[in-house]
Amino acid sequence: MSGEFATYLSGRYVELNIYSFSFREYLDYYEITSDFKSHFYRYLEDGGMPSTFDYRGDDKRLILIDLYNSIVLKDIIQRNNVKNVDLLEEICNV
């Protein structure tokens, strides 16, 4: 029976628009009131993505890699019919 459901549900999804936090929102989330410079560098490394705020180390890295792959590999490449994927990845990794 689960195979039937998979057939009926394939290609259906709910799109969720997730935006990164501004630096101000990031500061508010962590209740930061001083030492903005070091926190700004952390904000830049994390990208301000709310889904990473509760994770550290490798877990956070995996989430960021998944976000990158989802945005670059799926959205940009498919929507713009990019032919030279290696070049795009090289540009993104600069």
C-alpha atoms as a PDB file:
ATOM      1  CA  MET A   1       0.000   0.000   0.000  1.00  0.00           C
ATOM      2  CA  SER A   2       2.873   2.436   0.733  1.00  0.00           C
ATOM      3  CA  GLY A   3       4.038   2.057  -2.881  1.00  0.00           C
ATOM      4  CA  GLU A   4       0.643   3.273  -4.070  1.00  0.00           C
ATOM      5  CA  PHE A   5       0.868   6.335  -1.852  1.00  0.00           C
ATOM      6  CA  ALA A   6       4.348   7.100  -3.132  1.00  0.00           C
ATOM      7  CA  THR A   7       3.011   6.971  -6.692  1.00  0.00           C
ATOM      8  CA  TYR A   8       0.187   9.354  -5.861  1.00  0.00           C
ATOM      9  CA  LEU A   9       2.435  11.767  -3.967  1.00  0.00           C
ATOM     10  CA  SER A  10       5.408  11.879  -6.318  1.00  0.00           C
ATOM     11  CA  GLY A  11       6.096  15.339  -7.658  1.00  0.00           C
ATOM     12  CA  ARG A  12       3.978  17.016  -4.982  1.00  0.00           C
ATOM     13  CA  TYR A  13       5.550  19.198  -2.367  1.00  0.00           C
ATOM     14  CA  VAL A  14       4.972  22.244  -0.240  1.00  0.00           C
ATOM     15  CA  GLU A  15       7.295  25.118  -0.977  1.00  0.00           C
ATOM     16  CA  LEU A  16       8.623  26.969   2.043  1.00  0.00           C
ATOM     17  CA  ASN A  17      10.390  30.264   1.511  1.00  0.00           C
ATOM     18  CA  ILE A  18      13.138  30.611   4.088  1.00  0.00           C
ATOM     19  CA  TYR A  19      15.157  33.791   4.281  1.00  0.00           C
ATOM     20  CA  SER A  20      18.333  34.366   6.206  1.00  0.00           C
ATOM     21  CA  PHE A  21      18.246  36.495   9.323  1.00  0.00           C
ATOM     22  CA  SER A  22      19.573  40.010   9.185  1.00  0.00           C
ATOM     23  CA  PHE A  23      22.498  40.689  11.487  1.00  0.00           C
ATOM     24  CA  ARG A  24      20.123  42.580  13.816  1.00  0.00           C
ATOM     25  CA  GLU A  25      17.809  39.535  13.999  1.00  0.00           C
ATOM     26  CA  TYR A  26      20.825  37.317  14.636  1.00  0.00           C
ATOM     27  CA  LEU A  27      21.895  39.526  17.552  1.00  0.00           C
ATOM     28  CA  ASP A  28      18.367  39.523  18.948  1.00  0.00           C
ATOM     29  CA  TYR A  29      18.095  35.724  18.696  1.00  0.00           C
ATOM     30  CA  TYR A  30      21.253  35.209  20.739  1.00  0.00           C
ATOM     31  CA  GLU A  31      20.534  38.218  22.980  1.00  0.00           C
ATOM     32  CA  ILE A  32      23.918  39.735  22.124  1.00  0.00           C
ATOM     33  CA  THR A  33      24.573  43.258  23.393  1.00  0.00           C
ATOM     34  CA  SER A  34      28.359  43.569  22.995  1.00  0.00           C
ATOM     35  CA  ASP A  35      31.372  42.228  21.086  1.00  0.00           C
ATOM     36  CA  PHE A  36      29.597  42.699  17.767  1.00  0.00           C
ATOM     37  CA  LYS A  37      32.719  42.200  15.663  1.00  0.00           C
ATOM     38  CA  SER A  38      33.362  38.558  16.619  1.00  0.00           C
ATOM     39  CA  HIS A  39      29.662  37.771  16.317  1.00  0.00           C
ATOM     40  CA  PHE A  40      29.548  39.413  12.908  1.00  0.00           C
ATOM     41  CA  TYR A  41      32.248  37.054  11.641  1.00  0.00           C
ATOM     42  CA  ARG A  42      30.295  34.091  13.016  1.00  0.00           C
ATOM     43  CA  TYR A  43      27.153  35.450  11.347  1.00  0.00           C
ATOM     44  CA  LEU A  44      29.009  35.624   8.025  1.00  0.00           C
ATOM     45  CA  GLU A  45      30.273  32.061   8.389  1.00  0.00           C
ATOM     46  CA  ASP A  46      26.818  30.726   9.265  1.00  0.00           C
ATOM     47  CA  GLY A  47      25.074  32.778   6.609  1.00  0.00           C
ATOM     48  CA  GLY A  48      22.387  33.854   9.037  1.00  0.00           C
ATOM     49  CA  MET A  49      20.305  30.796   8.228  1.00  0.00           C
ATOM     50  CA  PRO A  50      17.906  30.096  11.111  1.00  0.00           C
ATOM     51  CA  SER A  51      18.092  26.335  10.595  1.00  0.00           C
ATOM     52  CA  THR A  52      21.747  26.378  11.690  1.00  0.00           C
ATOM     53  CA  PHE A  53      21.325  28.290  14.943  1.00  0.00           C
ATOM     54  CA  ASP A  54      20.777  25.245  17.146  1.00  0.00           C
ATOM     55  CA  TYR A  55      23.657  23.201  15.727  1.00  0.00           C
ATOM     56  CA  ARG A  56      27.433  23.187  16.078  1.00  0.00           C
ATOM     57  CA  GLY A  57      30.378  21.672  14.224  1.00  0.00           C
ATOM     58  CA  ASP A  58      29.765  19.001  11.621  1.00  0.00           C
ATOM     59  CA  ASP A  59      25.978  19.113  12.029  1.00  0.00           C
ATOM     60  CA  LYS A  60      25.932  22.810  11.159  1.00  0.00           C
ATOM     61  CA  ARG A  61      28.313  22.218   8.264  1.00  0.00           C
ATOM     62  CA  LEU A  62      26.045  19.504   6.817  1.00  0.00           C
ATOM     63  CA  ILE A  63      23.025  21.796   6.987  1.00  0.00           C
ATOM     64  CA  LEU A  64      24.917  24.572   5.200  1.00  0.00           C
ATOM     65  CA  ILE A  65      26.142  22.151   2.524  1.00  0.00           C
ATOM     66  CA  ASP A  66      22.579  20.920   1.980  1.00  0.00           C
ATOM     67  CA  LEU A  67      21.328  24.501   1.674  1.00  0.00           C
ATOM     68  CA  TYR A  68      24.085  25.313  -0.813  1.00  0.00           C
ATOM     69  CA  ASN A  69      23.360  22.213  -2.882  1.00  0.00           C
ATOM     70  CA  SER A  70      19.661  22.911  -2.857  1.00  0.00           C
ATOM     71  CA  ILE A  71      20.053  26.538  -3.910  1.00  0.00           C
ATOM     72  CA  VAL A  72      22.935  26.289  -6.364  1.00  0.00           C
ATOM     73  CA  LEU A  73      22.620  22.818  -7.799  1.00  0.00           C
ATOM     74  CA  LYS A  74      18.858  22.603  -8.019  1.00  0.00           C
ATOM     75  CA  ASP A  75      17.497  26.124  -8.341  1.00  0.00           C
ATOM     76  CA  ILE A  76      20.150  28.023 -10.273  1.00  0.00           C
ATOM     77  CA  ILE A  77      21.284  25.210 -12.564  1.00  0.00           C
ATOM     78  CA  GLN A  78      17.814  23.947 -13.431  1.00  0.00           C
ATOM     79  CA  ARG A  79      16.089  27.302 -13.781  1.00  0.00           C
ATOM     80  CA  ASN A  80      18.827  28.821 -15.914  1.00  0.00           C
ATOM     81  CA  ASN A  81      19.738  25.686 -17.850  1.00  0.00           C
ATOM     82  CA  VAL A  82      23.398  26.003 -16.869  1.00  0.00           C
ATOM     83  CA  LYS A  83      25.546  23.839 -19.103  1.00  0.00           C
ATOM     84  CA  ASN A  84      28.932  24.239 -17.418  1.00  0.00           C
ATOM     85  CA  VAL A  85      28.135  23.168 -13.846  1.00  0.00           C
ATOM     86  CA  ASP A  86      31.810  22.798 -12.891  1.00  0.00           C
ATOM     87  CA  LEU A  87      32.479  26.433 -13.801  1.00  0.00           C
ATOM     88  CA  LEU A  88      29.497  27.622 -11.743  1.00  0.00           C
ATOM     89  CA  GLU A  89      30.689  25.627  -8.729  1.00  0.00           C
ATOM     90  CA  GLU A  90      34.193  27.047  -9.144  1.00  0.00           C
ATOM     91  CA  ILE A  91      32.786  30.585  -9.227  1.00  0.00           C
ATOM     92  CA  CYS A  92      30.670  29.914  -6.131  1.00  0.00           C
ATOM     93  CA  ASN A  93      33.627  28.544  -4.205  1.00  0.00           C
ATOM     94  CA  VAL A  94      35.770  31.646  -4.671  1.00  0.00           C
END
